[in-house]
Amino acid sequence: MTLSEFFNMGGYAFYVWTSYGLTLVVLLANIIVPIVQRKQLLRSLSLKQQRSEP
């Protein structure tokens, strides 16, 4: 099996590589989105705490 045959995936390359790409995007989103939301939540709570302090 040559490298070009591997990347061609027996004629199903578009479907195979698209599914790998979508899976990678979903996995990255599952990592990045909670981190961003946590930072936003902490920033929001910090601002609320600063406003409530005399």
PDB file of N, CA and C in Angstrom:
ATOM      1  N   MET A   1       0.852  -1.179   0.000  1.00  0.00           N
ATOM      2  CA  MET A   1       0.000   0.000   0.000  1.00  0.00           C
ATOM      3  C   MET A   1       0.893   1.236   0.000  1.00  0.00           C
ATOM      4  N   THR A   2       0.634   2.093  -0.972  1.00  0.00           N
ATOM      5  CA  THR A   2       1.406   3.324  -1.052  1.00  0.00           C
ATOM      6  C   THR A   2       0.711   4.416  -0.251  1.00  0.00           C
ATOM      7  N   LEU A   3       1.415   5.496  -0.072  1.00  0.00           N
ATOM      8  CA  LEU A   3       0.873   6.620   0.684  1.00  0.00           C
ATOM      9  C   LEU A   3      -0.330   7.241  -0.025  1.00  0.00           C
ATOM     10  N   SER A   4      -0.265   7.317  -1.342  1.00  0.00           N
ATOM     11  CA  SER A   4      -1.400   7.878  -2.085  1.00  0.00           C
ATOM     12  C   SER A   4      -2.621   6.976  -1.984  1.00  0.00           C
ATOM     13  N   GLU A   5      -2.427   5.660  -1.953  1.00  0.00           N
ATOM     14  CA  GLU A   5      -3.555   4.740  -1.757  1.00  0.00           C
ATOM     15  C   GLU A   5      -4.155   4.917  -0.371  1.00  0.00           C
ATOM     16  N   PHE A   6      -3.296   5.136   0.602  1.00  0.00           N
ATOM     17  CA  PHE A   6      -3.786   5.355   1.965  1.00  0.00           C
ATOM     18  C   PHE A   6      -4.653   6.611   2.028  1.00  0.00           C
ATOM     19  N   PHE A   7      -4.176   7.708   1.445  1.00  0.00           N
ATOM     20  CA  PHE A   7      -4.938   8.951   1.485  1.00  0.00           C
ATOM     21  C   PHE A   7      -6.188   8.886   0.613  1.00  0.00           C
ATOM     22  N   ASN A   8      -6.191   8.032  -0.426  1.00  0.00           N
ATOM     23  CA  ASN A   8      -7.355   7.879  -1.289  1.00  0.00           C
ATOM     24  C   ASN A   8      -8.442   7.036  -0.619  1.00  0.00           C
ATOM     25  N   MET A   9      -8.077   6.179   0.313  1.00  0.00           N
ATOM     26  CA  MET A   9      -9.006   5.341   1.077  1.00  0.00           C
ATOM     27  C   MET A   9      -9.932   4.526   0.172  1.00  0.00           C
ATOM     28  N   GLY A  10      -9.401   3.994  -0.895  1.00  0.00           N
ATOM     29  CA  GLY A  10     -10.186   3.141  -1.773  1.00  0.00           C
ATOM     30  C   GLY A  10     -11.331   3.856  -2.464  1.00  0.00           C
ATOM     31  N   GLY A  11     -11.190   5.141  -2.707  1.00  0.00           N
ATOM     32  CA  GLY A  11     -12.231   5.899  -3.377  1.00  0.00           C
ATOM     33  C   GLY A  11     -13.187   6.602  -2.424  1.00  0.00           C
ATOM     34  N   TYR A  12     -13.050   6.354  -1.142  1.00  0.00           N
ATOM     35  CA  TYR A  12     -13.935   6.961  -0.149  1.00  0.00           C
ATOM     36  C   TYR A  12     -13.243   8.067   0.640  1.00  0.00           C
ATOM     37  N   ALA A  13     -12.206   8.618   0.094  1.00  0.00           N
ATOM     38  CA  ALA A  13     -11.391   9.594   0.813  1.00  0.00           C
ATOM     39  C   ALA A  13     -12.190  10.795   1.277  1.00  0.00           C
ATOM     40  N   PHE A  14     -13.068  11.333   0.439  1.00  0.00           N
ATOM     41  CA  PHE A  14     -13.831  12.520   0.822  1.00  0.00           C
ATOM     42  C   PHE A  14     -14.646  12.247   2.079  1.00  0.00           C
ATOM     43  N   TYR A  15     -15.334  11.122   2.113  1.00  0.00           N
ATOM     44  CA  TYR A  15     -16.188  10.798   3.255  1.00  0.00           C
ATOM     45  C   TYR A  15     -15.367  10.493   4.508  1.00  0.00           C
ATOM     46  N   VAL A  16     -14.291   9.762   4.332  1.00  0.00           N
ATOM     47  CA  VAL A  16     -13.453   9.378   5.467  1.00  0.00           C
ATOM     48  C   VAL A  16     -12.781  10.594   6.074  1.00  0.00           C
ATOM     49  N   TRP A  17     -12.129  11.411   5.259  1.00  0.00           N
ATOM     50  CA  TRP A  17     -11.400  12.562   5.781  1.00  0.00           C
ATOM     51  C   TRP A  17     -12.346  13.646   6.298  1.00  0.00           C
ATOM     52  N   THR A  18     -13.533  13.757   5.686  1.00  0.00           N
ATOM     53  CA  THR A  18     -14.528  14.692   6.211  1.00  0.00           C
ATOM     54  C   THR A  18     -14.989  14.267   7.594  1.00  0.00           C
ATOM     55  N   SER A  19     -15.216  12.984   7.779  1.00  0.00           N
ATOM     56  CA  SER A  19     -15.651  12.505   9.099  1.00  0.00           C
ATOM     57  C   SER A  19     -14.544  12.676  10.134  1.00  0.00           C
ATOM     58  N   TYR A  20     -13.298  12.433   9.745  1.00  0.00           N
ATOM     59  CA  TYR A  20     -12.191  12.682  10.673  1.00  0.00           C
ATOM     60  C   TYR A  20     -12.103  14.159  11.038  1.00  0.00           C
ATOM     61  N   GLY A  21     -12.270  15.017  10.048  1.00  0.00           N
ATOM     62  CA  GLY A  21     -12.198  16.453  10.290  1.00  0.00           C
ATOM     63  C   GLY A  21     -13.315  16.931  11.207  1.00  0.00           C
ATOM     64  N   LEU A  22     -14.538  16.492  10.961  1.00  0.00           N
ATOM     65  CA  LEU A  22     -15.655  16.886  11.813  1.00  0.00           C
ATOM     66  C   LEU A  22     -15.483  16.371  13.236  1.00  0.00           C
ATOM     67  N   THR A  23     -14.977  15.156  13.364  1.00  0.00           N
ATOM     68  CA  THR A  23     -14.729  14.605  14.690  1.00  0.00           C
ATOM     69  C   THR A  23     -13.694  15.437  15.432  1.00  0.00           C
ATOM     70  N   LEU A  24     -12.645  15.833  14.747  1.00  0.00           N
ATOM     71  CA  LEU A  24     -11.615  16.665  15.363  1.00  0.00           C
ATOM     72  C   LEU A  24     -12.180  18.011  15.800  1.00  0.00           C
ATOM     73  N   VAL A  25     -13.030  18.613  14.965  1.00  0.00           N
ATOM     74  CA  VAL A  25     -13.636  19.901  15.308  1.00  0.00           C
ATOM     75  C   VAL A  25     -14.508  19.765  16.556  1.00  0.00           C
ATOM     76  N   VAL A  26     -15.306  18.714  16.636  1.00  0.00           N
ATOM     77  CA  VAL A  26     -16.175  18.504  17.791  1.00  0.00           C
ATOM     78  C   VAL A  26     -15.355  18.270  19.054  1.00  0.00           C
ATOM     79  N   LEU A  27     -14.317  17.464  18.956  1.00  0.00           N
ATOM     80  CA  LEU A  27     -13.470  17.205  20.124  1.00  0.00           C
ATOM     81  C   LEU A  27     -12.783  18.483  20.607  1.00  0.00           C
ATOM     82  N   LEU A  28     -12.292  19.281  19.685  1.00  0.00           N
ATOM     83  CA  LEU A  28     -11.659  20.547  20.073  1.00  0.00           C
ATOM     84  C   LEU A  28     -12.671  21.496  20.698  1.00  0.00           C
ATOM     85  N   ALA A  29     -13.880  21.531  20.139  1.00  0.00           N
ATOM     86  CA  ALA A  29     -14.922  22.386  20.714  1.00  0.00           C
ATOM     87  C   ALA A  29     -15.266  21.935  22.132  1.00  0.00           C
ATOM     88  N   ASN A  30     -15.283  20.627  22.372  1.00  0.00           N
ATOM     89  CA  ASN A  30     -15.571  20.108  23.705  1.00  0.00           C
ATOM     90  C   ASN A  30     -14.486  20.465  24.712  1.00  0.00           C
ATOM     91  N   ILE A  31     -13.316  20.788  24.243  1.00  0.00           N
ATOM     92  CA  ILE A  31     -12.236  21.202  25.131  1.00  0.00           C
ATOM     93  C   ILE A  31     -12.233  22.720  25.306  1.00  0.00           C
ATOM     94  N   ILE A  32     -12.400  23.455  24.211  1.00  0.00           N
ATOM     95  CA  ILE A  32     -12.234  24.906  24.225  1.00  0.00           C
ATOM     96  C   ILE A  32     -13.438  25.637  24.814  1.00  0.00           C
ATOM     97  N   VAL A  33     -14.646  25.234  24.469  1.00  0.00           N
ATOM     98  CA  VAL A  33     -15.848  25.947  24.910  1.00  0.00           C
ATOM     99  C   VAL A  33     -15.959  26.016  26.437  1.00  0.00           C
ATOM    100  N   PRO A  34     -15.783  24.927  27.182  1.00  0.00           N
ATOM    101  CA  PRO A  34     -15.859  25.041  28.644  1.00  0.00           C
ATOM    102  C   PRO A  34     -14.786  25.947  29.244  1.00  0.00           C
ATOM    103  N   ILE A  35     -13.609  25.963  28.654  1.00  0.00           N
ATOM    104  CA  ILE A  35     -12.543  26.832  29.153  1.00  0.00           C
ATOM    105  C   ILE A  35     -12.934  28.294  28.980  1.00  0.00           C
ATOM    106  N   VAL A  36     -13.466  28.635  27.814  1.00  0.00           N
ATOM    107  CA  VAL A  36     -13.891  30.010  27.545  1.00  0.00           C
ATOM    108  C   VAL A  36     -15.043  30.396  28.461  1.00  0.00           C
ATOM    109  N   GLN A  37     -16.011  29.495  28.630  1.00  0.00           N
ATOM    110  CA  GLN A  37     -17.153  29.782  29.492  1.00  0.00           C
ATOM    111  C   GLN A  37     -16.713  29.974  30.943  1.00  0.00           C
ATOM    112  N   ARG A  38     -15.766  29.192  31.385  1.00  0.00           N
ATOM    113  CA  ARG A  38     -15.264  29.321  32.763  1.00  0.00           C
ATOM    114  C   ARG A  38     -14.613  30.680  32.967  1.00  0.00           C
ATOM    115  N   LYS A  39     -13.792  31.102  32.002  1.00  0.00           N
ATOM    116  CA  LYS A  39     -13.149  32.414  32.101  1.00  0.00           C
ATOM    117  C   LYS A  39     -14.187  33.528  32.144  1.00  0.00           C
ATOM    118  N   GLN A  40     -15.221  33.423  31.302  1.00  0.00           N
ATOM    119  CA  GLN A  40     -16.274  34.439  31.288  1.00  0.00           C
ATOM    120  C   GLN A  40     -17.024  34.459  32.613  1.00  0.00           C
ATOM    121  N   LEU A  41     -17.318  33.288  33.159  1.00  0.00           N
ATOM    122  CA  LEU A  41     -18.024  33.203  34.434  1.00  0.00           C
ATOM    123  C   LEU A  41     -17.195  33.809  35.559  1.00  0.00           C
ATOM    124  N   LEU A  42     -15.928  33.475  35.618  1.00  0.00           N
ATOM    125  CA  LEU A  42     -15.065  34.022  36.658  1.00  0.00           C
ATOM    126  C   LEU A  42     -14.939  35.540  36.530  1.00  0.00           C
ATOM    127  N   ARG A  43     -14.836  36.037  35.298  1.00  0.00           N
ATOM    128  CA  ARG A  43     -14.763  37.481  35.073  1.00  0.00           C
ATOM    129  C   ARG A  43     -16.055  38.153  35.523  1.00  0.00           C
ATOM    130  N   SER A  44     -17.178  37.551  35.198  1.00  0.00           N
ATOM    131  CA  SER A  44     -18.480  38.103  35.582  1.00  0.00           C
ATOM    132  C   SER A  44     -18.647  38.111  37.100  1.00  0.00           C
ATOM    133  N   LEU A  45     -18.277  37.026  37.756  1.00  0.00           N
ATOM    134  CA  LEU A  45     -18.384  36.965  39.215  1.00  0.00           C
ATOM    135  C   LEU A  45     -17.460  37.966  39.890  1.00  0.00           C
ATOM    136  N   SER A  46     -16.287  38.148  39.331  1.00  0.00           N
ATOM    137  CA  SER A  46     -15.342  39.121  39.878  1.00  0.00           C
ATOM    138  C   SER A  46     -15.907  40.540  39.773  1.00  0.00           C
ATOM    139  N   LEU A  47     -16.512  40.867  38.639  1.00  0.00           N
ATOM    140  CA  LEU A  47     -17.102  42.196  38.474  1.00  0.00           C
ATOM    141  C   LEU A  47     -18.275  42.404  39.435  1.00  0.00           C
ATOM    142  N   LYS A  48     -19.104  41.386  39.625  1.00  0.00           N
ATOM    143  CA  LYS A  48     -20.222  41.492  40.565  1.00  0.00           C
ATOM    144  C   LYS A  48     -19.725  41.689  41.987  1.00  0.00           C
ATOM    145  N   GLN A  49     -18.654  40.986  42.331  1.00  0.00           N
ATOM    146  CA  GLN A  49     -18.098  41.111  43.679  1.00  0.00           C
ATOM    147  C   GLN A  49     -17.514  42.510  43.884  1.00  0.00           C
ATOM    148  N   GLN A  50     -16.853  43.049  42.885  1.00  0.00           N
ATOM    149  CA  GLN A  50     -16.280  44.390  42.992  1.00  0.00           C
ATOM    150  C   GLN A  50     -17.373  45.451  43.129  1.00  0.00           C
ATOM    151  N   ARG A  51     -18.492  45.253  42.438  1.00  0.00           N
ATOM    152  CA  ARG A  51     -19.594  46.208  42.537  1.00  0.00           C
ATOM    153  C   ARG A  51     -20.265  46.176  43.898  1.00  0.00           C
ATOM    154  N   SER A  52     -20.325  45.006  44.513  1.00  0.00           N
ATOM    155  CA  SER A  52     -21.040  44.878  45.793  1.00  0.00           C
ATOM    156  C   SER A  52     -20.200  45.339  46.988  1.00  0.00           C
ATOM    157  N   GLU A  53     -18.903  45.428  46.819  1.00  0.00           N
ATOM    158  CA  GLU A  53     -18.044  45.867  47.902  1.00  0.00           C
ATOM    159  C   GLU A  53     -18.166  47.386  48.063  1.00  0.00           C
ATOM    160  N   PRO A  54     -18.250  47.863  49.323  1.00  0.00           N
ATOM    161  CA  PRO A  54     -18.379  49.309  49.548  1.00  0.00           C
ATOM    162  C   PRO A  54     -17.122  50.099  49.255  1.00  0.00           C
TER     163      PRO A  54
END
